[in-house]
């Protein structure tokens, strides 16, 4: 009878089996920070006009950018915004929530159900709170170009990235890269996104706890400039250090046995 193969592991994530070495490493993917920043700084004219309109009206914008997917926690996110208006009424007519949910797998009934739920929630919240000068929730169910998205991210005072479960979520990193370093917005991030381990200076929340997310939005909207700059500076430094080029370099170096 042939003896069972034995495998030995070491603390560095290597495994030895039958004379072969298998490496296990973590390579968190990054983004092209400068490209996102450049697109954000060259926002489309309609994005700039909308931003100026909100500045005149004294409105702050919360933004979410996601595929229409059950893992993204979109219904809970809209409910959290509604709870914000209930628990923190000072934000009525002072904040608006823009959710961009690009279509995906629309032939699957579960995704159609999520879309119907989002449309119903947005309609209910707007029906309860909206007036002639203020629409609490703006919901867009179509694809938006990357350049326009970058401008919208820059024009938003809060980035709301609260998936129920996610591998990494690069939208969180794109939001950081798009910000004005002199007056940056605040990232609210689900603890269940892979990026949460890397982006500790964001406001980390449990996306299943609607009141917790609502209170985090209120904290982000009221955060002093000095704290916003400090948090953003630390986050930006980290995503620059671990950008797409570094991800490629470290992976190929390990593959070649250099690390």
C-alpha atoms as a PDB file:
ATOM      1  CA  UNK A   1       0.000   0.000   0.000  1.00  0.00           C
ATOM      2  CA  UNK A   2       1.327   3.434  -0.936  1.00  0.00           C
ATOM      3  CA  UNK A   3       2.023   5.692   2.013  1.00  0.00           C
ATOM      4  CA  UNK A   4      -0.161   8.747   2.352  1.00  0.00           C
ATOM      5  CA  UNK A   5       1.443  11.954   1.198  1.00  0.00           C
ATOM      6  CA  UNK A   6       2.579  14.200   4.040  1.00  0.00           C
ATOM      7  CA  UNK A   7       2.516  17.964   3.881  1.00  0.00           C
ATOM      8  CA  UNK A   8       4.431  20.309   6.121  1.00  0.00           C
ATOM      9  CA  UNK A   9       3.640  23.999   6.648  1.00  0.00           C
ATOM     10  CA  UNK A  10       5.742  26.847   7.982  1.00  0.00           C
ATOM     11  CA  UNK A  11       4.777  30.148   9.579  1.00  0.00           C
ATOM     12  CA  UNK A  12       5.541  32.071   6.375  1.00  0.00           C
ATOM     13  CA  UNK A  13       2.669  30.462   4.453  1.00  0.00           C
ATOM     14  CA  UNK A  14       4.720  27.875   2.581  1.00  0.00           C
ATOM     15  CA  UNK A  15       3.731  24.216   2.204  1.00  0.00           C
ATOM     16  CA  UNK A  16       6.080  21.345   1.276  1.00  0.00           C
ATOM     17  CA  UNK A  17       4.618  18.262  -0.390  1.00  0.00           C
ATOM     18  CA  UNK A  18       6.390  15.594  -2.450  1.00  0.00           C
ATOM     19  CA  UNK A  19       9.367  17.844  -2.987  1.00  0.00           C
ATOM     20  CA  UNK A  20       7.268  20.761  -4.203  1.00  0.00           C
ATOM     21  CA  UNK A  21       6.851  24.102  -2.466  1.00  0.00           C
ATOM     22  CA  UNK A  22       3.513  25.903  -2.589  1.00  0.00           C
ATOM     23  CA  UNK A  23       3.368  29.519  -1.456  1.00  0.00           C
ATOM     24  CA  UNK A  24       0.352  31.219   0.030  1.00  0.00           C
ATOM     25  CA  UNK A  25       0.509  35.015  -0.013  1.00  0.00           C
ATOM     26  CA  UNK A  26      -1.832  37.989   0.213  1.00  0.00           C
ATOM     27  CA  UNK A  27      -1.810  40.405  -2.738  1.00  0.00           C
ATOM     28  CA  UNK A  28      -4.452  43.099  -2.125  1.00  0.00           C
ATOM     29  CA  UNK A  29      -5.254  44.628  -5.488  1.00  0.00           C
ATOM     30  CA  UNK A  30      -4.834  48.362  -5.940  1.00  0.00           C
ATOM     31  CA  UNK A  31      -5.924  51.077  -8.358  1.00  0.00           C
ATOM     32  CA  UNK A  32      -4.248  53.649 -10.604  1.00  0.00           C
ATOM     33  CA  UNK A  33      -4.497  56.493  -8.091  1.00  0.00           C
ATOM     34  CA  UNK A  34      -3.221  59.263 -10.373  1.00  0.00           C
ATOM     35  CA  UNK A  35      -5.603  58.290 -13.178  1.00  0.00           C
ATOM     36  CA  UNK A  36      -8.635  58.473 -10.873  1.00  0.00           C
ATOM     37  CA  UNK A  37      -7.456  61.777  -9.384  1.00  0.00           C
ATOM     38  CA  UNK A  38      -6.962  63.257 -12.848  1.00  0.00           C
ATOM     39  CA  UNK A  39     -10.437  62.219 -14.030  1.00  0.00           C
ATOM     40  CA  UNK A  40     -11.987  63.556 -10.812  1.00  0.00           C
ATOM     41  CA  UNK A  41     -10.270  66.896 -11.270  1.00  0.00           C
ATOM     42  CA  UNK A  42     -11.561  67.134 -14.856  1.00  0.00           C
ATOM     43  CA  UNK A  43     -15.198  66.455 -14.024  1.00  0.00           C
ATOM     44  CA  UNK A  44     -17.819  66.782 -16.735  1.00  0.00           C
ATOM     45  CA  UNK A  45     -19.576  70.131 -16.969  1.00  0.00           C
ATOM     46  CA  UNK A  46     -22.939  68.807 -15.759  1.00  0.00           C
ATOM     47  CA  UNK A  47     -21.269  67.292 -12.664  1.00  0.00           C
ATOM     48  CA  UNK A  48     -19.606  70.620 -11.889  1.00  0.00           C
ATOM     49  CA  UNK A  49     -22.873  72.499 -12.341  1.00  0.00           C
ATOM     50  CA  UNK A  50     -24.704  70.083 -10.037  1.00  0.00           C
ATOM     51  CA  UNK A  51     -21.944  70.461  -7.437  1.00  0.00           C
ATOM     52  CA  UNK A  52     -22.172  74.264  -7.572  1.00  0.00           C
ATOM     53  CA  UNK A  53     -25.965  74.090  -7.258  1.00  0.00           C
ATOM     54  CA  UNK A  54     -25.661  72.003  -4.094  1.00  0.00           C
ATOM     55  CA  UNK A  55     -23.059  74.385  -2.672  1.00  0.00           C
ATOM     56  CA  UNK A  56     -25.434  77.299  -3.201  1.00  0.00           C
ATOM     57  CA  UNK A  57     -28.260  75.369  -1.505  1.00  0.00           C
ATOM     58  CA  UNK A  58     -25.985  74.182   1.303  1.00  0.00           C
ATOM     59  CA  UNK A  59     -26.536  70.510   0.432  1.00  0.00           C
ATOM     60  CA  UNK A  60     -24.019  67.755   1.181  1.00  0.00           C
ATOM     61  CA  UNK A  61     -23.999  64.642  -1.011  1.00  0.00           C
ATOM     62  CA  UNK A  62     -23.661  61.020   0.076  1.00  0.00           C
ATOM     63  CA  UNK A  63     -22.798  58.653  -2.761  1.00  0.00           C
ATOM     64  CA  UNK A  64     -22.944  54.915  -3.362  1.00  0.00           C
ATOM     65  CA  UNK A  65     -21.658  53.289  -6.566  1.00  0.00           C
ATOM     66  CA  UNK A  66     -22.352  49.589  -7.058  1.00  0.00           C
ATOM     67  CA  UNK A  67     -23.521  46.852  -9.336  1.00  0.00           C
ATOM     68  CA  UNK A  68     -27.148  45.962  -8.656  1.00  0.00           C
ATOM     69  CA  UNK A  69     -26.227  42.868  -6.654  1.00  0.00           C
ATOM     70  CA  UNK A  70     -27.653  41.294  -3.501  1.00  0.00           C
ATOM     71  CA  UNK A  71     -24.181  41.201  -1.903  1.00  0.00           C
ATOM     72  CA  UNK A  72     -23.861  45.010  -1.965  1.00  0.00           C
ATOM     73  CA  UNK A  73     -26.448  45.674   0.739  1.00  0.00           C
ATOM     74  CA  UNK A  74     -28.244  48.387  -1.234  1.00  0.00           C
ATOM     75  CA  UNK A  75     -31.693  48.089   0.425  1.00  0.00           C
ATOM     76  CA  UNK A  76     -30.126  48.367   3.878  1.00  0.00           C
ATOM     77  CA  UNK A  77     -28.141  51.394   2.713  1.00  0.00           C
ATOM     78  CA  UNK A  78     -31.276  53.258   1.661  1.00  0.00           C
ATOM     79  CA  UNK A  79     -32.931  52.283   4.924  1.00  0.00           C
ATOM     80  CA  UNK A  80     -29.919  53.692   6.788  1.00  0.00           C
ATOM     81  CA  UNK A  81     -30.327  57.017   4.994  1.00  0.00           C
ATOM     82  CA  UNK A  82     -34.003  57.054   5.936  1.00  0.00           C
ATOM     83  CA  UNK A  83     -33.018  56.346   9.544  1.00  0.00           C
ATOM     84  CA  UNK A  84     -30.538  59.236   9.348  1.00  0.00           C
ATOM     85  CA  UNK A  85     -33.413  61.592   8.600  1.00  0.00           C
ATOM     86  CA  UNK A  86     -35.418  60.125  11.492  1.00  0.00           C
ATOM     87  CA  UNK A  87     -32.618  60.062  14.097  1.00  0.00           C
ATOM     88  CA  UNK A  88     -30.857  63.246  12.962  1.00  0.00           C
ATOM     89  CA  UNK A  89     -33.565  65.574  11.608  1.00  0.00           C
ATOM     90  CA  UNK A  90     -31.028  68.415  11.299  1.00  0.00           C
ATOM     91  CA  UNK A  91     -29.971  66.753   8.035  1.00  0.00           C
ATOM     92  CA  UNK A  92     -33.382  67.218   6.412  1.00  0.00           C
ATOM     93  CA  UNK A  93     -32.925  69.542   3.413  1.00  0.00           C
ATOM     94  CA  UNK A  94     -29.190  69.499   4.178  1.00  0.00           C
ATOM     95  CA  UNK A  95     -28.098  66.151   2.691  1.00  0.00           C
ATOM     96  CA  UNK A  96     -28.949  64.116  -0.371  1.00  0.00           C
ATOM     97  CA  UNK A  97     -28.142  60.509  -1.185  1.00  0.00           C
ATOM     98  CA  UNK A  98     -27.101  59.538  -4.726  1.00  0.00           C
ATOM     99  CA  UNK A  99     -27.110  55.796  -5.440  1.00  0.00           C
ATOM    100  CA  UNK A 100     -25.773  54.614  -8.794  1.00  0.00           C
ATOM    101  CA  UNK A 101     -26.622  50.943  -9.319  1.00  0.00           C
ATOM    102  CA  UNK A 102     -25.537  49.684 -12.726  1.00  0.00           C
ATOM    103  CA  UNK A 103     -27.649  46.843 -14.207  1.00  0.00           C
ATOM    104  CA  UNK A 104     -26.467  43.258 -13.877  1.00  0.00           C
ATOM    105  CA  UNK A 105     -28.084  39.830 -14.403  1.00  0.00           C
ATOM    106  CA  UNK A 106     -31.507  41.368 -14.902  1.00  0.00           C
ATOM    107  CA  UNK A 107     -32.881  38.062 -16.169  1.00  0.00           C
ATOM    108  CA  UNK A 108     -32.434  36.557 -12.676  1.00  0.00           C
ATOM    109  CA  UNK A 109     -35.521  37.022 -10.510  1.00  0.00           C
ATOM    110  CA  UNK A 110     -33.536  37.769  -7.332  1.00  0.00           C
ATOM    111  CA  UNK A 111     -31.957  40.802  -8.999  1.00  0.00           C
ATOM    112  CA  UNK A 112     -35.317  42.000 -10.278  1.00  0.00           C
ATOM    113  CA  UNK A 113     -36.602  41.770  -6.701  1.00  0.00           C
ATOM    114  CA  UNK A 114     -33.730  43.942  -5.417  1.00  0.00           C
ATOM    115  CA  UNK A 115     -34.410  46.536  -8.104  1.00  0.00           C
ATOM    116  CA  UNK A 116     -38.100  46.632  -7.173  1.00  0.00           C
ATOM    117  CA  UNK A 117     -37.214  46.970  -3.496  1.00  0.00           C
ATOM    118  CA  UNK A 118     -34.820  49.857  -4.158  1.00  0.00           C
ATOM    119  CA  UNK A 119     -37.311  51.694  -6.325  1.00  0.00           C
ATOM    120  CA  UNK A 120     -40.034  51.238  -3.703  1.00  0.00           C
ATOM    121  CA  UNK A 121     -37.779  52.428  -0.862  1.00  0.00           C
ATOM    122  CA  UNK A 122     -36.540  55.460  -2.789  1.00  0.00           C
ATOM    123  CA  UNK A 123     -40.131  56.356  -3.694  1.00  0.00           C
ATOM    124  CA  UNK A 124     -41.314  55.967  -0.103  1.00  0.00           C
ATOM    125  CA  UNK A 125     -38.512  58.105   1.356  1.00  0.00           C
ATOM    126  CA  UNK A 126     -38.909  60.805  -1.288  1.00  0.00           C
ATOM    127  CA  UNK A 127     -42.668  60.758  -0.873  1.00  0.00           C
ATOM    128  CA  UNK A 128     -42.311  61.316   2.865  1.00  0.00           C
ATOM    129  CA  UNK A 129     -39.547  63.935   2.921  1.00  0.00           C
ATOM    130  CA  UNK A 130     -39.120  65.629  -0.474  1.00  0.00           C
ATOM    131  CA  UNK A 131     -40.215  69.167  -1.234  1.00  0.00           C
ATOM    132  CA  UNK A 132     -39.931  71.418  -4.278  1.00  0.00           C
ATOM    133  CA  UNK A 133     -36.279  72.272  -3.569  1.00  0.00           C
ATOM    134  CA  UNK A 134     -34.985  68.985  -2.163  1.00  0.00           C
ATOM    135  CA  UNK A 135     -35.047  65.346  -3.273  1.00  0.00           C
ATOM    136  CA  UNK A 136     -33.579  63.151  -0.512  1.00  0.00           C
ATOM    137  CA  UNK A 137     -32.685  60.123  -2.678  1.00  0.00           C
ATOM    138  CA  UNK A 138     -31.542  60.175  -6.282  1.00  0.00           C
ATOM    139  CA  UNK A 139     -31.438  56.647  -7.674  1.00  0.00           C
ATOM    140  CA  UNK A 140     -29.793  55.919 -11.054  1.00  0.00           C
ATOM    141  CA  UNK A 141     -30.173  52.449 -12.548  1.00  0.00           C
ATOM    142  CA  UNK A 142     -27.866  52.586 -15.557  1.00  0.00           C
ATOM    143  CA  UNK A 143     -24.183  52.488 -16.370  1.00  0.00           C
ATOM    144  CA  UNK A 144     -22.187  55.680 -15.827  1.00  0.00           C
ATOM    145  CA  UNK A 145     -18.772  56.297 -17.418  1.00  0.00           C
ATOM    146  CA  UNK A 146     -15.653  56.082 -15.238  1.00  0.00           C
ATOM    147  CA  UNK A 147     -14.720  59.700 -15.892  1.00  0.00           C
ATOM    148  CA  UNK A 148     -18.160  60.928 -14.809  1.00  0.00           C
ATOM    149  CA  UNK A 149     -18.094  58.624 -11.782  1.00  0.00           C
ATOM    150  CA  UNK A 150     -14.742  60.058 -10.697  1.00  0.00           C
ATOM    151  CA  UNK A 151     -16.196  63.559 -10.804  1.00  0.00           C
ATOM    152  CA  UNK A 152     -19.252  62.473  -8.816  1.00  0.00           C
ATOM    153  CA  UNK A 153     -17.048  60.822  -6.185  1.00  0.00           C
ATOM    154  CA  UNK A 154     -15.026  64.014  -5.792  1.00  0.00           C
ATOM    155  CA  UNK A 155     -18.200  66.090  -5.480  1.00  0.00           C
ATOM    156  CA  UNK A 156     -19.560  63.909  -2.642  1.00  0.00           C
ATOM    157  CA  UNK A 157     -18.866  64.645   1.015  1.00  0.00           C
ATOM    158  CA  UNK A 158     -19.516  61.041   2.084  1.00  0.00           C
ATOM    159  CA  UNK A 159     -18.696  57.794   0.284  1.00  0.00           C
ATOM    160  CA  UNK A 160     -20.999  54.972   1.417  1.00  0.00           C
ATOM    161  CA  UNK A 161     -19.493  51.552   0.686  1.00  0.00           C
ATOM    162  CA  UNK A 162     -21.372  49.005   2.783  1.00  0.00           C
ATOM    163  CA  UNK A 163     -21.517  45.575   1.101  1.00  0.00           C
ATOM    164  CA  UNK A 164     -22.792  42.625   3.109  1.00  0.00           C
ATOM    165  CA  UNK A 165     -19.780  40.674   1.829  1.00  0.00           C
ATOM    166  CA  UNK A 166     -17.121  41.641  -0.706  1.00  0.00           C
ATOM    167  CA  UNK A 167     -13.763  40.414  -1.913  1.00  0.00           C
ATOM    168  CA  UNK A 168     -12.029  43.814  -1.936  1.00  0.00           C
ATOM    169  CA  UNK A 169     -14.245  46.630  -3.282  1.00  0.00           C
ATOM    170  CA  UNK A 170     -12.199  49.060  -5.314  1.00  0.00           C
ATOM    171  CA  UNK A 171     -14.897  51.749  -5.197  1.00  0.00           C
ATOM    172  CA  UNK A 172     -13.676  52.492  -1.663  1.00  0.00           C
ATOM    173  CA  UNK A 173     -10.161  53.162  -2.973  1.00  0.00           C
ATOM    174  CA  UNK A 174     -11.473  55.154  -5.946  1.00  0.00           C
ATOM    175  CA  UNK A 175     -13.452  57.392  -3.588  1.00  0.00           C
ATOM    176  CA  UNK A 176     -10.272  58.167  -1.625  1.00  0.00           C
ATOM    177  CA  UNK A 177      -8.251  58.854  -4.789  1.00  0.00           C
ATOM    178  CA  UNK A 178     -10.922  61.183  -6.185  1.00  0.00           C
ATOM    179  CA  UNK A 179     -11.053  63.519  -3.181  1.00  0.00           C
ATOM    180  CA  UNK A 180      -9.755  67.076  -2.935  1.00  0.00           C
ATOM    181  CA  UNK A 181      -6.870  66.748  -0.460  1.00  0.00           C
ATOM    182  CA  UNK A 182      -7.584  70.226   0.944  1.00  0.00           C
ATOM    183  CA  UNK A 183     -11.249  69.459   1.628  1.00  0.00           C
ATOM    184  CA  UNK A 184     -11.757  65.676   1.460  1.00  0.00           C
ATOM    185  CA  UNK A 185     -14.897  63.666   2.053  1.00  0.00           C
ATOM    186  CA  UNK A 186     -15.295  60.792   4.511  1.00  0.00           C
ATOM    187  CA  UNK A 187     -15.417  57.108   3.580  1.00  0.00           C
ATOM    188  CA  UNK A 188     -17.875  54.854   5.415  1.00  0.00           C
ATOM    189  CA  UNK A 189     -16.874  51.233   4.855  1.00  0.00           C
ATOM    190  CA  UNK A 190     -18.384  47.868   5.704  1.00  0.00           C
ATOM    191  CA  UNK A 191     -16.291  45.682   7.986  1.00  0.00           C
ATOM    192  CA  UNK A 192     -17.145  42.823   5.607  1.00  0.00           C
ATOM    193  CA  UNK A 193     -15.385  44.410   2.611  1.00  0.00           C
ATOM    194  CA  UNK A 194     -11.869  43.155   1.986  1.00  0.00           C
ATOM    195  CA  UNK A 195     -10.663  46.761   1.838  1.00  0.00           C
ATOM    196  CA  UNK A 196     -11.626  47.320   5.493  1.00  0.00           C
ATOM    197  CA  UNK A 197      -8.436  45.662   6.733  1.00  0.00           C
ATOM    198  CA  UNK A 198      -6.345  48.087   4.702  1.00  0.00           C
ATOM    199  CA  UNK A 199      -8.459  51.258   5.098  1.00  0.00           C
ATOM    200  CA  UNK A 200      -8.687  51.479   8.868  1.00  0.00           C
ATOM    201  CA  UNK A 201      -9.008  55.297   8.946  1.00  0.00           C
ATOM    202  CA  UNK A 202     -12.418  55.126   7.276  1.00  0.00           C
ATOM    203  CA  UNK A 203     -15.522  54.844   9.453  1.00  0.00           C
ATOM    204  CA  UNK A 204     -15.944  51.057   9.736  1.00  0.00           C
ATOM    205  CA  UNK A 205     -19.528  49.845  10.205  1.00  0.00           C
ATOM    206  CA  UNK A 206     -21.631  46.701  10.387  1.00  0.00           C
ATOM    207  CA  UNK A 207     -23.895  46.958   7.300  1.00  0.00           C
ATOM    208  CA  UNK A 208     -26.544  44.798   8.980  1.00  0.00           C
ATOM    209  CA  UNK A 209     -26.959  47.404  11.766  1.00  0.00           C
ATOM    210  CA  UNK A 210     -29.057  50.117  10.109  1.00  0.00           C
ATOM    211  CA  UNK A 211     -28.896  52.543  13.041  1.00  0.00           C
ATOM    212  CA  UNK A 212     -25.102  52.172  13.246  1.00  0.00           C
ATOM    213  CA  UNK A 213     -24.756  53.085   9.577  1.00  0.00           C
ATOM    214  CA  UNK A 214     -27.146  56.029  10.015  1.00  0.00           C
ATOM    215  CA  UNK A 215     -25.118  57.351  12.953  1.00  0.00           C
ATOM    216  CA  UNK A 216     -21.880  56.917  10.977  1.00  0.00           C
ATOM    217  CA  UNK A 217     -23.355  59.036   8.166  1.00  0.00           C
ATOM    218  CA  UNK A 218     -24.257  61.721  10.708  1.00  0.00           C
ATOM    219  CA  UNK A 219     -20.717  61.611  12.116  1.00  0.00           C
ATOM    220  CA  UNK A 220     -19.208  61.874   8.636  1.00  0.00           C
ATOM    221  CA  UNK A 221     -21.399  64.836   7.685  1.00  0.00           C
ATOM    222  CA  UNK A 222     -20.413  66.704  10.865  1.00  0.00           C
ATOM    223  CA  UNK A 223     -16.725  65.756  10.902  1.00  0.00           C
ATOM    224  CA  UNK A 224     -14.351  68.749  11.271  1.00  0.00           C
ATOM    225  CA  UNK A 225     -12.028  69.579   8.387  1.00  0.00           C
ATOM    226  CA  UNK A 226      -8.880  68.838  10.410  1.00  0.00           C
ATOM    227  CA  UNK A 227     -10.024  65.287  11.167  1.00  0.00           C
ATOM    228  CA  UNK A 228     -11.165  64.713   7.593  1.00  0.00           C
ATOM    229  CA  UNK A 229      -7.775  65.769   6.253  1.00  0.00           C
ATOM    230  CA  UNK A 230      -5.910  63.550   8.739  1.00  0.00           C
ATOM    231  CA  UNK A 231      -8.000  60.486   7.923  1.00  0.00           C
ATOM    232  CA  UNK A 232      -7.810  61.066   4.179  1.00  0.00           C
ATOM    233  CA  UNK A 233      -4.061  61.691   4.221  1.00  0.00           C
ATOM    234  CA  UNK A 234      -3.442  58.337   5.921  1.00  0.00           C
ATOM    235  CA  UNK A 235      -5.777  56.519   3.519  1.00  0.00           C
ATOM    236  CA  UNK A 236      -4.317  58.165   0.429  1.00  0.00           C
ATOM    237  CA  UNK A 237      -0.775  57.331   1.512  1.00  0.00           C
ATOM    238  CA  UNK A 238      -1.742  53.677   1.900  1.00  0.00           C
ATOM    239  CA  UNK A 239      -3.520  53.301  -1.454  1.00  0.00           C
ATOM    240  CA  UNK A 240      -0.577  55.004  -3.166  1.00  0.00           C
ATOM    241  CA  UNK A 241       1.851  52.602  -1.510  1.00  0.00           C
ATOM    242  CA  UNK A 242      -0.274  49.607  -2.497  1.00  0.00           C
ATOM    243  CA  UNK A 243      -1.410  50.766  -5.932  1.00  0.00           C
ATOM    244  CA  UNK A 244      -1.964  48.674  -9.075  1.00  0.00           C
ATOM    245  CA  UNK A 245       1.703  48.867 -10.059  1.00  0.00           C
ATOM    246  CA  UNK A 246       2.854  47.588  -6.661  1.00  0.00           C
ATOM    247  CA  UNK A 247       0.276  44.776  -6.797  1.00  0.00           C
ATOM    248  CA  UNK A 248       1.679  43.668 -10.167  1.00  0.00           C
ATOM    249  CA  UNK A 249       5.311  44.013  -9.038  1.00  0.00           C
ATOM    250  CA  UNK A 250       4.885  42.071  -5.793  1.00  0.00           C
ATOM    251  CA  UNK A 251       2.929  39.260  -7.446  1.00  0.00           C
ATOM    252  CA  UNK A 252       5.397  38.779 -10.299  1.00  0.00           C
ATOM    253  CA  UNK A 253       8.363  39.013  -7.908  1.00  0.00           C
ATOM    254  CA  UNK A 254       6.913  36.270  -5.736  1.00  0.00           C
ATOM    255  CA  UNK A 255       6.123  34.160  -8.792  1.00  0.00           C
ATOM    256  CA  UNK A 256       9.758  34.522  -9.881  1.00  0.00           C
ATOM    257  CA  UNK A 257      11.001  33.559  -6.423  1.00  0.00           C
ATOM    258  CA  UNK A 258      12.418  37.001  -5.639  1.00  0.00           C
ATOM    259  CA  UNK A 259      10.367  37.514  -2.469  1.00  0.00           C
END
